[in-house]
Structure formats: structure tokens, C-alpha cells
Protein backbone atom coordinates (compact mmCIF):
# COMPACT_ATOMS: atom_id res chain seq x y z
CA TYR A 1 7.84 12.16 -17.84
CA GLY A 2 8.00 10.30 -21.14
CA TYR A 3 10.33 12.85 -22.70
CA TYR A 4 12.58 12.85 -19.65
CA LYS A 5 12.65 9.03 -19.52
CA PHE A 6 13.44 8.83 -23.23
CA SER A 7 16.19 11.46 -22.97
CA VAL A 8 17.92 9.97 -19.94
CA GLU A 9 17.83 6.42 -21.27
CA GLU A 10 19.07 7.49 -24.70
CA GLU A 11 21.87 9.66 -23.29
CA LEU A 12 23.11 6.83 -21.06
CA TYR A 13 22.84 4.38 -23.94
CA GLN A 14 24.94 6.60 -26.21
CA TYR A 15 27.45 7.27 -23.42
CA GLU A 16 27.89 3.55 -22.70
CA MET A 17 28.30 2.79 -26.40
CA GLN A 18 31.02 5.43 -26.72
CA GLU A 19 32.83 4.55 -23.51
CA THR A 20 32.73 0.74 -23.47
CA GLY A 21 30.85 -0.51 -26.52
CA LYS A 22 28.54 -2.37 -24.10
CA VAL A 23 25.19 -1.15 -22.90
CA SER A 24 23.27 -1.97 -19.75
CA GLY A 25 20.00 -0.37 -20.82
CA ALA A 26 17.72 -0.36 -23.84
CA GLY A 27 18.11 3.31 -24.77
CA GLY A 28 15.24 5.75 -25.15
CA TYR A 29 13.52 3.90 -27.97
CA GLY A 30 14.02 0.46 -26.47
CA THR A 31 12.70 1.61 -23.12
CA LEU A 32 9.63 3.59 -24.15
CA PHE A 33 8.41 1.93 -27.34
CA PRO A 34 7.69 -1.51 -25.81
CA PHE A 35 5.89 0.22 -22.94
CA VAL A 36 3.84 2.53 -25.17
CA TYR A 37 2.94 -0.18 -27.68
CA ALA A 38 1.90 -2.60 -24.96
CA ILE A 39 -0.38 0.06 -23.43
CA LEU A 40 -1.77 1.15 -26.81
CA ILE A 41 -2.56 -2.42 -27.80
CA GLY A 42 -3.45 -3.79 -24.36
CA PHE A 43 -5.91 -1.07 -23.35
CA PRO A 44 -8.33 -1.53 -26.30
CA LEU A 45 -8.03 -5.32 -26.01
CA THR A 46 -9.01 -5.05 -22.35
CA LEU A 47 -11.94 -2.76 -23.13
CA LEU A 48 -13.17 -5.22 -25.76
CA HIS A 49 -12.63 -8.18 -23.38
CA ILE A 50 -10.18 -9.81 -25.76
CA PRO A 51 -7.77 -12.17 -23.97
CA GLY A 52 -4.24 -10.92 -23.55
CA GLY A 53 -5.05 -7.24 -23.09
CA GLU A 54 -4.55 -7.23 -19.34
CA LEU A 55 -1.36 -9.25 -19.71
CA LEU A 56 0.04 -6.64 -22.11
CA ILE A 57 -0.77 -3.82 -19.70
CA GLU A 58 0.81 -5.70 -16.80
CA ALA A 59 3.87 -6.49 -18.92
CA ALA A 60 4.17 -2.80 -19.82
CA GLY A 61 4.11 -1.86 -16.14
CA ALA A 62 6.72 -4.48 -15.30
CA TRP A 63 8.91 -3.34 -18.21
CA ILE A 64 8.93 0.31 -17.15
CA LEU A 65 9.46 -0.53 -13.45
CA LEU A 66 12.35 -2.88 -14.20
CA GLY A 67 13.78 -0.16 -16.43
CA GLN A 68 13.64 2.25 -13.47
CA VAL A 69 15.43 -0.23 -11.20
CA ASN A 70 18.11 -0.63 -13.87
CA LEU A 71 18.37 3.14 -14.32
CA TYR A 72 18.97 3.64 -10.59
CA LYS A 73 21.60 0.89 -10.66
CA ARG A 74 23.34 2.60 -13.59
CA VAL A 75 23.27 6.01 -11.87
CA ASN A 76 24.85 4.44 -8.77
CA GLU A 77 27.56 2.88 -10.92
CA LEU A 78 28.30 6.16 -12.70
CA CYS A 79 28.53 8.09 -9.44
CA MET A 80 30.90 5.53 -7.91
CA GLU A 81 33.11 4.38 -10.80
CA GLU A 82 35.67 7.20 -10.82
CA GLU A 83 37.26 8.37 -7.57
CA ASP A 84 37.50 12.01 -8.66
CA ILE A 85 33.79 12.13 -9.58
CA LYS A 86 32.84 10.32 -6.38
CA ALA A 87 34.89 12.82 -4.35
CA GLU A 88 33.47 15.84 -6.20
CA LEU A 89 29.96 14.57 -5.54
CA GLY A 90 30.83 14.05 -1.86
CA LEU A 91 29.76 10.41 -1.89
CA THR A 92 31.14 7.48 0.05
CA ASP A 93 28.36 5.06 -0.93
CA PRO A 94 25.98 4.85 -3.89
CA PRO A 95 23.24 7.47 -3.42
CA LEU A 96 20.21 5.33 -4.36
CA TYR A 97 18.51 2.12 -3.32
CA GLU A 98 17.42 0.65 -6.63
CA TRP A 99 14.47 -1.28 -5.21
CA TRP A 100 12.82 2.00 -4.15
CA ALA A 101 11.60 2.23 -7.76
CA LEU A 102 9.11 -0.49 -6.84
CA LEU A 103 7.55 1.51 -4.00
CA PRO A 104 4.11 3.03 -4.53
CA PRO A 105 3.71 6.74 -5.15
CA PRO A 106 4.67 9.10 -3.58
CA LEU A 107 7.57 7.12 -2.08
CA ASP A 108 8.94 6.21 -5.50
CA VAL A 109 9.16 9.94 -6.20
CA VAL A 110 11.71 10.31 -3.40
CA VAL A 111 14.24 8.09 -5.16
CA GLY A 112 13.22 9.40 -8.58
CA LEU A 113 14.05 12.96 -7.62
CA ARG A 114 17.34 11.82 -6.11
CA GLN A 115 18.15 9.97 -9.33
CA VAL A 116 17.53 13.12 -11.37
CA HIS A 117 19.72 15.14 -9.01
CA PHE A 118 22.66 12.75 -8.85
CA LEU A 119 22.63 11.98 -12.56
CA SER A 120 22.65 15.70 -13.38
CA GLU A 121 25.44 16.22 -10.84
CA PHE A 122 27.40 13.36 -12.45
CA TRP A 123 27.11 15.02 -15.88
CA ARG A 124 28.05 18.40 -14.39
CA VAL A 125 31.27 16.98 -12.94
CA LYS A 126 32.01 14.83 -16.00
CA ARG A 127 31.66 17.83 -18.31
CA GLY A 128 33.61 20.15 -16.04
CA TYR A 129 30.80 22.59 -15.30
CA PRO A 130 30.95 24.66 -12.10
CA SER A 131 28.71 23.80 -9.17
CA GLU A 132 25.66 26.00 -8.79
CA LYS A 133 23.17 26.39 -5.96
CA ASP A 134 20.11 24.22 -6.47
CA VAL A 135 17.37 25.84 -4.43
CA VAL A 136 14.89 23.01 -5.00
CA ALA A 137 17.28 20.20 -4.00
CA ASP A 138 19.27 22.00 -1.33
CA GLU A 139 16.69 24.15 0.40
CA LEU A 140 13.09 23.23 -0.45
CA PHE A 141 13.43 19.43 -0.47
CA PRO A 142 16.75 18.59 1.23
CA PHE A 143 16.29 14.82 0.88
CA ILE A 144 17.00 15.19 -2.84
CA SER A 145 20.62 16.27 -2.44
CA MET A 146 21.54 14.37 0.75
CA LYS A 147 24.89 12.69 0.21
CA ASP A 148 23.98 9.77 2.47
CA ARG A 149 21.92 6.92 1.13
CA PHE A 150 19.08 6.42 3.59
CA THR A 151 16.67 3.62 4.38
CA LEU A 152 12.92 4.08 4.53
CA LYS A 153 13.06 4.06 8.32
CA GLN A 154 15.75 6.72 8.31
CA PHE A 155 13.77 8.83 5.88
CA PHE A 156 10.60 8.71 7.98
CA ARG A 157 12.51 9.22 11.21
CA ARG A 158 14.30 12.42 10.09
CA PRO A 159 11.77 15.10 9.07
CA LYS A 160 14.48 17.77 8.86
CA TYR A 161 15.32 16.34 5.43
CA TRP A 162 11.76 16.32 4.06
CA PHE A 163 10.82 19.92 3.31
CA TRP A 164 11.96 23.47 3.94
CA PHE A 165 9.30 23.90 6.62
CA THR A 166 10.33 20.74 8.54
CA LYS A 167 14.05 21.57 8.78
CA GLU A 168 13.74 22.57 12.44
CA TRP A 169 11.72 19.52 13.50
CA ASP A 170 13.31 17.00 15.84
CA ASP A 171 13.90 13.44 14.70
CA PHE A 172 11.31 10.83 15.64
CA ASN A 173 13.76 8.74 17.67
CA ASP A 174 11.18 7.52 20.18
CA ILE A 175 9.03 5.64 17.67
CA SER A 176 10.06 2.01 17.97
CA PHE A 177 9.16 0.78 14.47
CA LEU A 178 11.34 3.52 12.93
CA GLN A 179 14.49 2.30 14.69
CA ASP A 180 17.14 0.48 12.65
């Protein structure tokens, strides 16, 4: 995860610097180093009962979570900023809800996998690569490549988008708390 996080943040940082000269993220180093250092310093301080250790660990968690929210925001912006890219991706709305980064596991993984998918699709279109079948995103876990941005209620209500083995299941339309 660390390598992926570093790579994505650094690639977006470099891209923004080239395209606009302004950046909306901290890059790979600026994202991971504060997190890693706060954990490396905070953990021993906590074990030794030295004040400030827990605060450093909590700050590290907040830093990485806020970085995820920002990453999802940036991916949405990239996918929506150019009409030809938006059309090629088949999107009418941004694909991600940024605040899903704050959900507990495994729900945060849903938006994380979608972020990976849509960012890689953005780069594919931007670089002019042909579209290829993605068995994982299209067949095994269809929620990953869904063009529609969905709410938590919609996600839980529509099992056909969860896994390959739930594709034939009916929606849970009769459960009142899952209604919009």
C-alpha cells in the first residue's frame, strides 16, 4: 500500500506541476514521510508513556485519511475536467464520494478500489492507450467499474454489483432503511 500511495501521489504531483504549476497534494514524499515519521516517533513514545506519543499517532492517522479524501477529490476532478476524457470514461458525474475514505474497513476499500480503477482509466485515456477487458473490475467485483456514483444505501441495496456470485441476486428494495 505504501508504494502504491507514494507512486500515485507523486505521479499526480508531477502531473499538476507540469500542467498548471499548482499542486493540490503533497506528492509521494510529502504524503508518506510525515505519516511514517509520526508513527515511528509516536509508537515508541507511547510504549514508554512519554507525553505526545499518542497525539503523533493520531495526527499520522488524520494526515493519511485527509490525504485519501484529497486524492479522491483530485481523481474526480481529473475524470471530469475534459469532456473527451469524461465521455471516453462513460461518466456523467464524478465517480467517487470523497468522504467514503473516512469509512471503516472494509467499506473504505470499496471507494479505494474504485479510485484505483478510475485513475488508471484516466491515465489510459490521457495517454491514448486502447481499452482492455478488466476481469477483476468488470466481472469479479462489478462495483469497481460502475460508471454511476452510488450512495451507501444504493450499494447495500444492489447486491448484483458486489461480486461475481451475487450478479443474479435481486435488489433489496423492500428493506425500508435502504431506501433513498
